[in-house]
Amino acid sequence: MKLAIFSALAALAGTAASAGGYQAPVVETTPAAVVETAAAEVDWTGFYAGLQYGQGNADLSFGSASADIGDFDAWGLHAGYLRDMGKYVLGGELDYNRLTGDGDGHADLWRLRGRVGADLGKFQPYLTLGVARYSEEDLSETGFTYGIGAEYLFTPRLSMGVEYSRNSFRDVADVDGLDLDADAVQLRASFRF
């Protein structure tokens, strides 16, 4: 009798399986929420102002002869405006440097420069080109200046950088062929508005 019952149950199970086939139980799952984090865009556009300090060397040349005038410290202020164009950053800057040499003498250096940089996120290498005005006691000369630098944006309002510049003045003191050149390396800190 037991055999008949097991045979009947097996037949029923076989019939049910062949009629609809086996279906796995349905388990409803909720897809995990996808969180997209967009990288924060860095925008260099805006006004800035700051301080700079550096050291440099100046020399006089007349034809093939040249003389080293000496080393100097350069303390200064700068202010400017930058416009972020995507891959490039364009701008202009006015700066003032107080130059002090080994002795008691000092000089003033004003520069108005254009600036073009590469927008690499928080890092920006750049080139400068402009006009410079050098003055001390009875001497005042206008020349040109150019340089290269790099700046890093630590916060949206604070950046720091380093810059090399060369300032060249021709026919100093109205003497044909007497040239004054000054090289400087400066550390800069800028606050952005």
N, C-alpha and C. Protein backbone atom coordinates (compact mmCIF):
# COMPACT_ATOMS: atom_id res chain seq x y z
N MET A 1 0.79 -1.16 0.00
CA MET A 1 0.00 0.00 0.00
C MET A 1 0.86 1.26 0.00
N LYS A 2 1.92 1.19 0.76
CA LYS A 2 2.81 2.34 0.78
C LYS A 2 3.39 2.61 -0.59
N LEU A 3 3.65 1.56 -1.30
CA LEU A 3 4.21 1.71 -2.62
C LEU A 3 3.24 2.40 -3.54
N ALA A 4 1.98 2.13 -3.40
CA ALA A 4 0.97 2.76 -4.24
C ALA A 4 0.86 4.24 -3.92
N ILE A 5 0.96 4.60 -2.67
CA ILE A 5 0.86 6.01 -2.27
C ILE A 5 2.06 6.78 -2.81
N PHE A 6 3.25 6.22 -2.67
CA PHE A 6 4.45 6.91 -3.18
C PHE A 6 4.42 7.03 -4.69
N SER A 7 3.88 6.00 -5.36
CA SER A 7 3.77 6.05 -6.82
C SER A 7 2.80 7.13 -7.23
N ALA A 8 1.69 7.27 -6.52
CA ALA A 8 0.70 8.29 -6.85
C ALA A 8 1.28 9.69 -6.62
N LEU A 9 2.00 9.88 -5.52
CA LEU A 9 2.62 11.19 -5.24
C LEU A 9 3.68 11.52 -6.28
N ALA A 10 4.45 10.56 -6.67
CA ALA A 10 5.47 10.79 -7.70
C ALA A 10 4.83 11.14 -9.02
N ALA A 11 3.72 10.51 -9.36
CA ALA A 11 3.02 10.80 -10.60
C ALA A 11 2.46 12.21 -10.58
N LEU A 12 1.89 12.60 -9.44
CA LEU A 12 1.37 13.97 -9.31
C LEU A 12 2.48 15.01 -9.42
N ALA A 13 3.57 14.73 -8.78
CA ALA A 13 4.69 15.67 -8.83
C ALA A 13 5.24 15.77 -10.23
N GLY A 14 5.34 14.67 -10.92
CA GLY A 14 5.82 14.67 -12.30
C GLY A 14 4.88 15.40 -13.21
N THR A 15 3.59 15.27 -13.00
CA THR A 15 2.61 15.95 -13.83
C THR A 15 2.68 17.44 -13.62
N ALA A 16 2.80 17.86 -12.37
CA ALA A 16 2.87 19.30 -12.07
C ALA A 16 4.14 19.90 -12.64
N ALA A 17 5.23 19.19 -12.57
CA ALA A 17 6.50 19.72 -13.07
C ALA A 17 6.49 19.82 -14.57
N SER A 18 5.87 18.86 -15.25
CA SER A 18 5.88 18.91 -16.71
C SER A 18 4.85 19.88 -17.25
N ALA A 19 3.81 20.18 -16.46
CA ALA A 19 2.78 21.08 -16.96
C ALA A 19 3.28 22.51 -17.03
N GLY A 20 3.83 23.01 -15.98
CA GLY A 20 4.25 24.41 -16.00
C GLY A 20 5.75 24.55 -15.88
N GLY A 21 6.45 23.52 -15.63
CA GLY A 21 7.89 23.61 -15.41
C GLY A 21 8.18 24.20 -14.05
N TYR A 22 9.39 24.11 -13.67
CA TYR A 22 9.78 24.61 -12.35
C TYR A 22 9.99 26.11 -12.45
N GLN A 23 9.43 26.83 -11.51
CA GLN A 23 9.64 28.27 -11.44
C GLN A 23 10.24 28.60 -10.10
N ALA A 24 11.33 29.32 -10.15
CA ALA A 24 11.99 29.74 -8.92
C ALA A 24 11.14 30.80 -8.25
N PRO A 25 11.17 30.85 -6.97
CA PRO A 25 10.40 31.87 -6.27
C PRO A 25 10.91 33.27 -6.64
N VAL A 26 9.99 34.22 -6.76
CA VAL A 26 10.33 35.60 -7.13
C VAL A 26 10.69 36.37 -5.86
N VAL A 27 11.88 36.97 -5.88
CA VAL A 27 12.32 37.80 -4.76
C VAL A 27 12.51 39.20 -5.30
N GLU A 28 11.77 40.13 -4.76
CA GLU A 28 11.87 41.52 -5.23
C GLU A 28 13.08 42.18 -4.58
N THR A 29 13.91 42.82 -5.43
CA THR A 29 15.08 43.55 -4.93
C THR A 29 14.99 44.99 -5.40
N THR A 30 15.47 45.88 -4.58
CA THR A 30 15.52 47.29 -4.94
C THR A 30 16.95 47.60 -5.37
N PRO A 31 17.10 48.18 -6.59
CA PRO A 31 18.48 48.49 -7.02
C PRO A 31 19.09 49.53 -6.10
N ALA A 32 20.38 49.37 -5.84
CA ALA A 32 21.10 50.32 -4.99
C ALA A 32 21.16 51.68 -5.67
N ALA A 33 20.99 52.70 -4.91
CA ALA A 33 21.03 54.06 -5.46
C ALA A 33 22.45 54.37 -5.92
N VAL A 34 22.58 54.88 -7.12
CA VAL A 34 23.88 55.24 -7.67
C VAL A 34 24.16 56.69 -7.33
N VAL A 35 25.24 56.92 -6.61
CA VAL A 35 25.61 58.27 -6.21
C VAL A 35 26.74 58.73 -7.12
N GLU A 36 26.46 59.78 -7.86
CA GLU A 36 27.49 60.32 -8.74
C GLU A 36 28.11 61.54 -8.08
N THR A 37 29.42 61.51 -7.99
CA THR A 37 30.13 62.66 -7.42
C THR A 37 30.87 63.35 -8.54
N ALA A 38 30.44 64.53 -8.84
CA ALA A 38 31.11 65.31 -9.88
C ALA A 38 32.31 65.99 -9.28
N ALA A 39 33.42 65.93 -9.98
CA ALA A 39 34.62 66.62 -9.51
C ALA A 39 34.35 68.13 -9.51
N ALA A 40 34.75 68.77 -8.45
CA ALA A 40 34.53 70.21 -8.33
C ALA A 40 35.35 70.93 -9.39
N GLU A 41 34.69 71.80 -10.13
CA GLU A 41 35.37 72.59 -11.15
C GLU A 41 36.19 73.67 -10.46
N VAL A 42 37.40 73.88 -10.91
CA VAL A 42 38.24 74.95 -10.39
C VAL A 42 38.13 76.12 -11.36
N ASP A 43 37.78 77.26 -10.83
CA ASP A 43 37.63 78.46 -11.65
C ASP A 43 38.60 79.52 -11.13
N TRP A 44 39.55 79.90 -11.98
CA TRP A 44 40.55 80.90 -11.60
C TRP A 44 40.05 82.32 -11.82
N THR A 45 38.85 82.51 -12.34
CA THR A 45 38.34 83.84 -12.67
C THR A 45 38.16 84.68 -11.41
N GLY A 46 38.63 85.93 -11.48
CA GLY A 46 38.39 86.86 -10.38
C GLY A 46 39.58 87.74 -10.07
N PHE A 47 39.34 88.67 -9.17
CA PHE A 47 40.40 89.57 -8.70
C PHE A 47 41.19 88.89 -7.60
N TYR A 48 42.46 89.29 -7.47
CA TYR A 48 43.32 88.77 -6.42
C TYR A 48 44.32 89.84 -6.01
N ALA A 49 44.85 89.70 -4.81
CA ALA A 49 45.89 90.60 -4.30
C ALA A 49 46.72 89.80 -3.31
N GLY A 50 47.98 90.21 -3.16
CA GLY A 50 48.82 89.47 -2.23
C GLY A 50 50.18 90.07 -2.01
N LEU A 51 51.03 89.26 -1.42
CA LEU A 51 52.40 89.64 -1.05
C LEU A 51 53.39 88.75 -1.75
N GLN A 52 54.62 89.26 -1.92
CA GLN A 52 55.69 88.45 -2.48
C GLN A 52 57.02 88.82 -1.83
N TYR A 53 57.89 87.83 -1.78
CA TYR A 53 59.26 88.04 -1.31
C TYR A 53 60.18 87.21 -2.17
N GLY A 54 61.32 87.79 -2.49
CA GLY A 54 62.29 87.04 -3.28
C GLY A 54 63.68 87.63 -3.18
N GLN A 55 64.57 86.98 -3.88
CA GLN A 55 65.95 87.44 -3.95
C GLN A 55 66.39 87.45 -5.40
N GLY A 56 67.34 88.32 -5.68
CA GLY A 56 67.79 88.42 -7.05
C GLY A 56 69.19 88.96 -7.16
N ASN A 57 69.58 89.19 -8.41
CA ASN A 57 70.91 89.69 -8.72
C ASN A 57 70.79 90.66 -9.88
N ALA A 58 71.58 91.73 -9.83
CA ALA A 58 71.56 92.73 -10.89
C ALA A 58 72.96 92.91 -11.45
N ASP A 59 73.03 93.23 -12.74
CA ASP A 59 74.33 93.53 -13.34
C ASP A 59 74.18 94.61 -14.40
N LEU A 60 75.27 95.34 -14.59
CA LEU A 60 75.37 96.37 -15.63
C LEU A 60 76.24 95.85 -16.74
N SER A 61 75.89 96.19 -17.96
CA SER A 61 76.74 95.80 -19.09
C SER A 61 76.87 96.98 -20.04
N PHE A 62 78.06 97.05 -20.64
CA PHE A 62 78.35 98.10 -21.62
C PHE A 62 79.16 97.43 -22.73
N GLY A 63 78.49 97.17 -23.83
CA GLY A 63 79.15 96.42 -24.91
C GLY A 63 79.43 95.00 -24.44
N SER A 64 80.70 94.58 -24.51
CA SER A 64 81.06 93.23 -24.09
C SER A 64 81.48 93.17 -22.62
N ALA A 65 81.62 94.32 -21.98
CA ALA A 65 82.02 94.35 -20.57
C ALA A 65 80.78 94.33 -19.68
N SER A 66 80.88 93.63 -18.56
CA SER A 66 79.77 93.60 -17.62
C SER A 66 80.29 93.60 -16.20
N ALA A 67 79.47 94.10 -15.29
CA ALA A 67 79.84 94.15 -13.88
C ALA A 67 78.65 93.74 -13.04
N ASP A 68 78.94 92.89 -12.06
CA ASP A 68 77.89 92.44 -11.14
C ASP A 68 77.66 93.53 -10.10
N ILE A 69 76.44 94.05 -10.03
CA ILE A 69 76.12 95.09 -9.05
C ILE A 69 75.92 94.49 -7.67
N GLY A 70 75.37 93.30 -7.63
CA GLY A 70 75.18 92.64 -6.34
C GLY A 70 73.82 92.00 -6.20
N ASP A 71 73.65 91.37 -5.06
CA ASP A 71 72.40 90.68 -4.75
C ASP A 71 71.43 91.65 -4.08
N PHE A 72 70.16 91.34 -4.15
CA PHE A 72 69.15 92.18 -3.49
C PHE A 72 68.00 91.31 -2.99
N ASP A 73 67.29 91.85 -2.01
CA ASP A 73 66.04 91.28 -1.54
C ASP A 73 64.92 92.09 -2.15
N ALA A 74 63.82 91.45 -2.49
CA ALA A 74 62.67 92.14 -3.09
C ALA A 74 61.42 91.80 -2.29
N TRP A 75 60.85 92.81 -1.64
CA TRP A 75 59.60 92.69 -0.90
C TRP A 75 58.53 93.42 -1.69
N GLY A 76 57.34 92.87 -1.78
CA GLY A 76 56.36 93.59 -2.57
C GLY A 76 54.92 93.17 -2.40
N LEU A 77 54.09 93.88 -3.16
CA LEU A 77 52.65 93.67 -3.22
C LEU A 77 52.25 93.46 -4.67
N HIS A 78 51.18 92.72 -4.90
CA HIS A 78 50.67 92.56 -6.25
C HIS A 78 49.14 92.50 -6.22
N ALA A 79 48.54 92.90 -7.34
CA ALA A 79 47.09 92.83 -7.51
C ALA A 79 46.80 92.62 -8.99
N GLY A 80 45.76 91.85 -9.27
CA GLY A 80 45.44 91.59 -10.67
C GLY A 80 44.09 90.95 -10.84
N TYR A 81 43.83 90.57 -12.09
CA TYR A 81 42.58 89.92 -12.45
C TYR A 81 42.90 88.79 -13.42
N LEU A 82 42.25 87.63 -13.21
CA LEU A 82 42.39 86.48 -14.11
C LEU A 82 41.03 86.09 -14.66
N ARG A 83 41.04 85.60 -15.89
CA ARG A 83 39.83 85.09 -16.55
C ARG A 83 40.11 83.68 -17.01
N ASP A 84 39.37 82.71 -16.45
CA ASP A 84 39.53 81.30 -16.80
C ASP A 84 38.76 81.04 -18.09
N MET A 85 39.47 80.62 -19.15
CA MET A 85 38.87 80.37 -20.45
C MET A 85 38.70 78.88 -20.74
N GLY A 86 38.80 78.05 -19.72
CA GLY A 86 38.71 76.61 -19.94
C GLY A 86 40.07 75.97 -19.82
N LYS A 87 40.78 75.86 -20.94
CA LYS A 87 42.13 75.30 -20.92
C LYS A 87 43.18 76.35 -20.56
N TYR A 88 42.85 77.62 -20.80
CA TYR A 88 43.82 78.70 -20.57
C TYR A 88 43.27 79.72 -19.59
N VAL A 89 44.18 80.41 -18.93
CA VAL A 89 43.83 81.47 -18.00
C VAL A 89 44.57 82.73 -18.45
N LEU A 90 43.82 83.81 -18.73
CA LEU A 90 44.41 85.06 -19.17
C LEU A 90 44.19 86.12 -18.11
N GLY A 91 45.13 87.08 -18.01
CA GLY A 91 44.95 88.13 -17.02
C GLY A 91 46.00 89.20 -17.10
N GLY A 92 45.94 90.09 -16.14
CA GLY A 92 46.89 91.19 -16.03
C GLY A 92 47.17 91.46 -14.57
N GLU A 93 48.35 92.05 -14.31
CA GLU A 93 48.76 92.26 -12.94
C GLU A 93 49.63 93.51 -12.82
N LEU A 94 49.46 94.22 -11.71
CA LEU A 94 50.32 95.34 -11.34
C LEU A 94 51.01 94.94 -10.05
N ASP A 95 52.34 95.11 -9.99
CA ASP A 95 53.02 94.81 -8.74
C ASP A 95 54.07 95.86 -8.42
N TYR A 96 54.41 95.92 -7.14
CA TYR A 96 55.42 96.84 -6.63
C TYR A 96 56.40 96.04 -5.80
N ASN A 97 57.71 96.31 -5.99
CA ASN A 97 58.76 95.65 -5.22
C ASN A 97 59.70 96.69 -4.66
N ARG A 98 60.03 96.53 -3.40
CA ARG A 98 61.05 97.36 -2.76
C ARG A 98 62.33 96.53 -2.77
N LEU A 99 63.34 97.01 -3.48
CA LEU A 99 64.61 96.29 -3.62
C LEU A 99 65.62 96.86 -2.63
N THR A 100 66.21 96.01 -1.81
CA THR A 100 67.25 96.43 -0.88
C THR A 100 68.49 95.58 -1.12
N GLY A 101 69.62 96.27 -1.29
CA GLY A 101 70.87 95.58 -1.55
C GLY A 101 71.66 95.33 -0.28
N ASP A 102 72.92 94.95 -0.48
CA ASP A 102 73.80 94.65 0.65
C ASP A 102 74.09 95.90 1.47
N GLY A 103 74.14 97.05 0.82
CA GLY A 103 74.41 98.30 1.54
C GLY A 103 73.14 98.93 2.04
N ASP A 104 73.17 100.25 2.21
CA ASP A 104 72.01 100.97 2.70
C ASP A 104 71.06 101.37 1.58
N GLY A 105 71.47 101.18 0.34
CA GLY A 105 70.66 101.64 -0.78
C GLY A 105 69.42 100.82 -1.01
N HIS A 106 68.45 101.44 -1.65
CA HIS A 106 67.23 100.74 -2.02
C HIS A 106 66.70 101.34 -3.32
N ALA A 107 65.83 100.58 -3.95
CA ALA A 107 65.23 101.02 -5.22
C ALA A 107 63.78 100.53 -5.25
N ASP A 108 63.01 101.13 -6.14
CA ASP A 108 61.62 100.74 -6.33
C ASP A 108 61.45 100.15 -7.73
N LEU A 109 60.66 99.11 -7.82
CA LEU A 109 60.39 98.46 -9.10
C LEU A 109 58.89 98.25 -9.24
N TRP A 110 58.29 98.92 -10.22
CA TRP A 110 56.88 98.76 -10.56
C TRP A 110 56.80 97.98 -11.86
N ARG A 111 55.82 97.05 -11.93
CA ARG A 111 55.65 96.29 -13.16
C ARG A 111 54.16 96.15 -13.49
N LEU A 112 53.85 96.33 -14.75
CA LEU A 112 52.51 96.08 -15.29
C LEU A 112 52.67 94.98 -16.32
N ARG A 113 52.04 93.82 -16.05
CA ARG A 113 52.32 92.64 -16.87
C ARG A 113 51.04 91.94 -17.30
N GLY A 114 51.09 91.38 -18.49
CA GLY A 114 50.06 90.45 -18.95
C GLY A 114 50.46 89.06 -18.52
N ARG A 115 49.47 88.17 -18.43
CA ARG A 115 49.76 86.82 -17.94
C ARG A 115 48.90 85.83 -18.71
N VAL A 116 49.51 84.72 -19.13
CA VAL A 116 48.79 83.62 -19.77
C VAL A 116 49.23 82.32 -19.10
N GLY A 117 48.23 81.53 -18.67
CA GLY A 117 48.54 80.29 -17.96
C GLY A 117 47.75 79.13 -18.51
N ALA A 118 48.10 77.95 -18.06
CA ALA A 118 47.39 76.72 -18.43
C ALA A 118 46.56 76.28 -17.23
N ASP A 119 45.27 76.03 -17.45
CA ASP A 119 44.38 75.59 -16.38
C ASP A 119 44.51 74.08 -16.21
N LEU A 120 45.25 73.67 -15.18
CA LEU A 120 45.43 72.25 -14.87
C LEU A 120 44.74 71.93 -13.55
N GLY A 121 43.55 72.46 -13.37
CA GLY A 121 42.82 72.26 -12.12
C GLY A 121 43.32 73.25 -11.08
N LYS A 122 43.81 72.73 -9.95
CA LYS A 122 44.31 73.60 -8.89
C LYS A 122 45.72 74.11 -9.17
N PHE A 123 46.38 73.56 -10.16
CA PHE A 123 47.75 73.95 -10.51
C PHE A 123 47.72 74.76 -11.80
N GLN A 124 48.48 75.88 -11.80
CA GLN A 124 48.51 76.72 -12.99
C GLN A 124 49.93 77.22 -13.29
N PRO A 125 50.60 76.67 -14.29
CA PRO A 125 51.85 77.26 -14.76
C PRO A 125 51.51 78.44 -15.67
N TYR A 126 52.37 79.47 -15.67
CA TYR A 126 52.05 80.67 -16.47
C TYR A 126 53.30 81.39 -16.94
N LEU A 127 53.09 82.27 -17.93
CA LEU A 127 54.13 83.15 -18.47
C LEU A 127 53.67 84.59 -18.29
N THR A 128 54.63 85.49 -18.10
CA THR A 128 54.29 86.92 -17.98
C THR A 128 55.13 87.73 -18.95
N LEU A 129 54.60 88.89 -19.34
CA LEU A 129 55.31 89.81 -20.22
C LEU A 129 54.73 91.20 -19.97
N GLY A 130 55.61 92.20 -19.85
CA GLY A 130 55.09 93.54 -19.61
C GLY A 130 56.16 94.60 -19.56
N VAL A 131 55.80 95.71 -18.92
CA VAL A 131 56.67 96.86 -18.81
C VAL A 131 57.06 97.05 -17.34
N ALA A 132 58.31 97.52 -17.11
CA ALA A 132 58.82 97.71 -15.76
C ALA A 132 59.35 99.14 -15.61
N ARG A 133 59.21 99.66 -14.40
CA ARG A 133 59.73 101.00 -14.08
C ARG A 133 60.62 100.88 -12.86
N TYR A 134 61.90 101.21 -13.03
CA TYR A 134 62.91 101.12 -11.97
C TYR A 134 63.30 102.54 -11.56
N SER A 135 63.37 102.79 -10.26
CA SER A 135 63.80 104.12 -9.82
C SER A 135 64.57 104.03 -8.51
N GLU A 136 65.58 104.86 -8.42
CA GLU A 136 66.38 105.01 -7.20
C GLU A 136 67.02 106.40 -7.23
N GLU A 137 66.96 107.11 -6.15
CA GLU A 137 67.51 108.46 -6.01
C GLU A 137 67.35 109.28 -7.29
N ASP A 138 68.44 109.47 -8.07
CA ASP A 138 68.39 110.32 -9.25
C ASP A 138 68.14 109.55 -10.55
N LEU A 139 67.98 108.25 -10.46
CA LEU A 139 67.85 107.42 -11.65
C LEU A 139 66.45 106.85 -11.77
N SER A 140 65.87 106.95 -12.96
CA SER A 140 64.55 106.39 -13.22
C SER A 140 64.54 105.87 -14.65
N GLU A 141 64.24 104.58 -14.81
CA GLU A 141 64.29 103.94 -16.12
C GLU A 141 63.05 103.10 -16.36
N THR A 142 62.64 103.03 -17.62
CA THR A 142 61.54 102.17 -18.05
C THR A 142 62.10 101.11 -18.97
N GLY A 143 61.69 99.87 -18.76
CA GLY A 143 62.16 98.76 -19.58
C GLY A 143 61.08 97.72 -19.73
N PHE A 144 61.50 96.49 -20.01
CA PHE A 144 60.52 95.41 -20.15
C PHE A 144 60.84 94.29 -19.18
N THR A 145 59.84 93.49 -18.92
CA THR A 145 59.97 92.38 -17.98
C THR A 145 59.28 91.15 -18.54
N TYR A 146 59.80 90.00 -18.24
CA TYR A 146 59.17 88.74 -18.62
C TYR A 146 59.50 87.69 -17.58
N GLY A 147 58.69 86.66 -17.51
CA GLY A 147 58.94 85.65 -16.50
C GLY A 147 58.11 84.40 -16.69
N ILE A 148 58.34 83.46 -15.79
CA ILE A 148 57.64 82.19 -15.78
C ILE A 148 57.35 81.84 -14.32
N GLY A 149 56.19 81.25 -14.09
CA GLY A 149 55.84 80.91 -12.71
C GLY A 149 54.85 79.78 -12.65
N ALA A 150 54.50 79.42 -11.43
CA ALA A 150 53.51 78.37 -11.19
C ALA A 150 52.79 78.71 -9.90
N GLU A 151 51.50 78.41 -9.87
CA GLU A 151 50.66 78.75 -8.72
C GLU A 151 49.78 77.56 -8.38
N TYR A 152 49.54 77.36 -7.09
CA TYR A 152 48.67 76.26 -6.64
C TYR A 152 47.56 76.84 -5.77
N LEU A 153 46.33 76.43 -6.04
CA LEU A 153 45.15 76.91 -5.33
C LEU A 153 44.88 75.97 -4.14
N PHE A 154 45.25 76.42 -2.92
CA PHE A 154 45.06 75.59 -1.73
C PHE A 154 43.61 75.57 -1.28
N THR A 155 42.96 76.72 -1.36
CA THR A 155 41.53 76.83 -1.06
C THR A 155 40.94 77.71 -2.17
N PRO A 156 39.63 77.83 -2.26
CA PRO A 156 39.08 78.72 -3.30
C PRO A 156 39.55 80.17 -3.16
N ARG A 157 40.04 80.57 -1.99
CA ARG A 157 40.46 81.95 -1.79
C ARG A 157 41.96 82.15 -1.62
N LEU A 158 42.73 81.10 -1.42
CA LEU A 158 44.17 81.24 -1.15
C LEU A 158 45.00 80.42 -2.13
N SER A 159 45.95 81.09 -2.77
CA SER A 159 46.89 80.40 -3.65
C SER A 159 48.30 80.82 -3.29
N MET A 160 49.25 79.94 -3.59
CA MET A 160 50.67 80.24 -3.37
C MET A 160 51.44 79.78 -4.59
N GLY A 161 52.56 80.45 -4.83
CA GLY A 161 53.34 80.08 -6.00
C GLY A 161 54.76 80.59 -5.94
N VAL A 162 55.47 80.29 -7.00
CA VAL A 162 56.86 80.73 -7.17
C VAL A 162 57.00 81.28 -8.58
N GLU A 163 57.87 82.29 -8.72
CA GLU A 163 58.01 82.94 -10.02
C GLU A 163 59.45 83.39 -10.25
N TYR A 164 59.92 83.19 -11.47
CA TYR A 164 61.21 83.75 -11.91
C TYR A 164 60.89 84.88 -12.89
N SER A 165 61.58 86.02 -12.72
CA SER A 165 61.37 87.12 -13.68
C SER A 165 62.70 87.77 -14.01
N ARG A 166 62.73 88.35 -15.21
CA ARG A 166 63.90 89.11 -15.67
C ARG A 166 63.40 90.49 -16.06
N ASN A 167 64.12 91.51 -15.60
CA ASN A 167 63.78 92.90 -15.86
C ASN A 167 64.97 93.54 -16.57
N SER A 168 64.73 94.11 -17.75
CA SER A 168 65.82 94.64 -18.58
C SER A 168 65.57 96.12 -18.88
N PHE A 169 66.62 96.92 -18.68
CA PHE A 169 66.56 98.36 -18.93
C PHE A 169 67.72 98.73 -19.84
N ARG A 170 67.42 99.38 -20.96
CA ARG A 170 68.43 99.72 -21.96
C ARG A 170 68.78 101.20 -21.91
N ASP A 171 70.04 101.52 -22.24
CA ASP A 171 70.54 102.89 -22.29
C ASP A 171 70.27 103.63 -20.98
N VAL A 172 70.72 103.02 -19.89
CA VAL A 172 70.51 103.56 -18.55
C VAL A 172 71.23 104.89 -18.41
N ALA A 173 70.59 105.83 -17.73
CA ALA A 173 71.13 107.18 -17.49
C ALA A 173 71.50 107.87 -18.80
N ASP A 174 70.74 107.57 -19.86
CA ASP A 174 70.94 108.16 -21.19
C ASP A 174 72.32 107.87 -21.78
N VAL A 175 72.93 106.78 -21.37
CA VAL A 175 74.23 106.36 -21.92
C VAL A 175 73.94 105.24 -22.91
N ASP A 176 74.21 105.48 -24.19
CA ASP A 176 73.97 104.47 -25.21
C ASP A 176 74.80 103.22 -24.93
N GLY A 177 74.12 102.08 -24.91
CA GLY A 177 74.81 100.81 -24.72
C GLY A 177 74.97 100.39 -23.27
N LEU A 178 74.59 101.24 -22.30
CA LEU A 178 74.68 100.87 -20.89
C LEU A 178 73.35 100.24 -20.47
N ASP A 179 73.40 98.95 -20.15
CA ASP A 179 72.18 98.19 -19.85
C ASP A 179 72.19 97.66 -18.43
N LEU A 180 71.03 97.63 -17.83
CA LEU A 180 70.84 97.10 -16.48
C LEU A 180 69.86 95.94 -16.57
N ASP A 181 70.28 94.78 -16.05
CA ASP A 181 69.43 93.59 -16.03
C ASP A 181 69.34 93.06 -14.61
N ALA A 182 68.14 92.65 -14.20
CA ALA A 182 67.94 92.10 -12.86
C ALA A 182 67.09 90.85 -12.95
N ASP A 183 67.58 89.79 -12.35
CA ASP A 183 66.86 88.52 -12.27
C ASP A 183 66.39 88.32 -10.83
N ALA A 184 65.21 87.76 -10.66
CA ALA A 184 64.69 87.51 -9.31
C ALA A 184 63.83 86.26 -9.28
N VAL A 185 63.89 85.57 -8.16
CA VAL A 185 63.00 84.45 -7.88
C VAL A 185 62.20 84.84 -6.65
N GLN A 186 60.88 84.74 -6.75
CA GLN A 186 60.02 85.19 -5.66
C GLN A 186 58.98 84.13 -5.27
N LEU A 187 58.67 84.09 -3.99
CA LEU A 187 57.55 83.31 -3.48
C LEU A 187 56.37 84.25 -3.35
N ARG A 188 55.18 83.77 -3.72
CA ARG A 188 54.00 84.65 -3.75
C ARG A 188 52.84 83.98 -3.02
N ALA A 189 52.06 84.80 -2.33
CA ALA A 189 50.82 84.34 -1.71
C ALA A 189 49.73 85.32 -2.14
N SER A 190 48.60 84.78 -2.62
CA SER A 190 47.52 85.61 -3.13
C SER A 190 46.19 85.25 -2.47
N PHE A 191 45.43 86.29 -2.14
CA PHE A 191 44.07 86.13 -1.64
C PHE A 191 43.12 86.47 -2.77
N ARG A 192 42.14 85.61 -3.02
CA ARG A 192 41.22 85.78 -4.15
C ARG A 192 39.86 86.28 -3.67
N PHE A 193 39.31 87.21 -4.44
CA PHE A 193 38.02 87.83 -4.08
C PHE A 193 36.88 87.16 -4.82
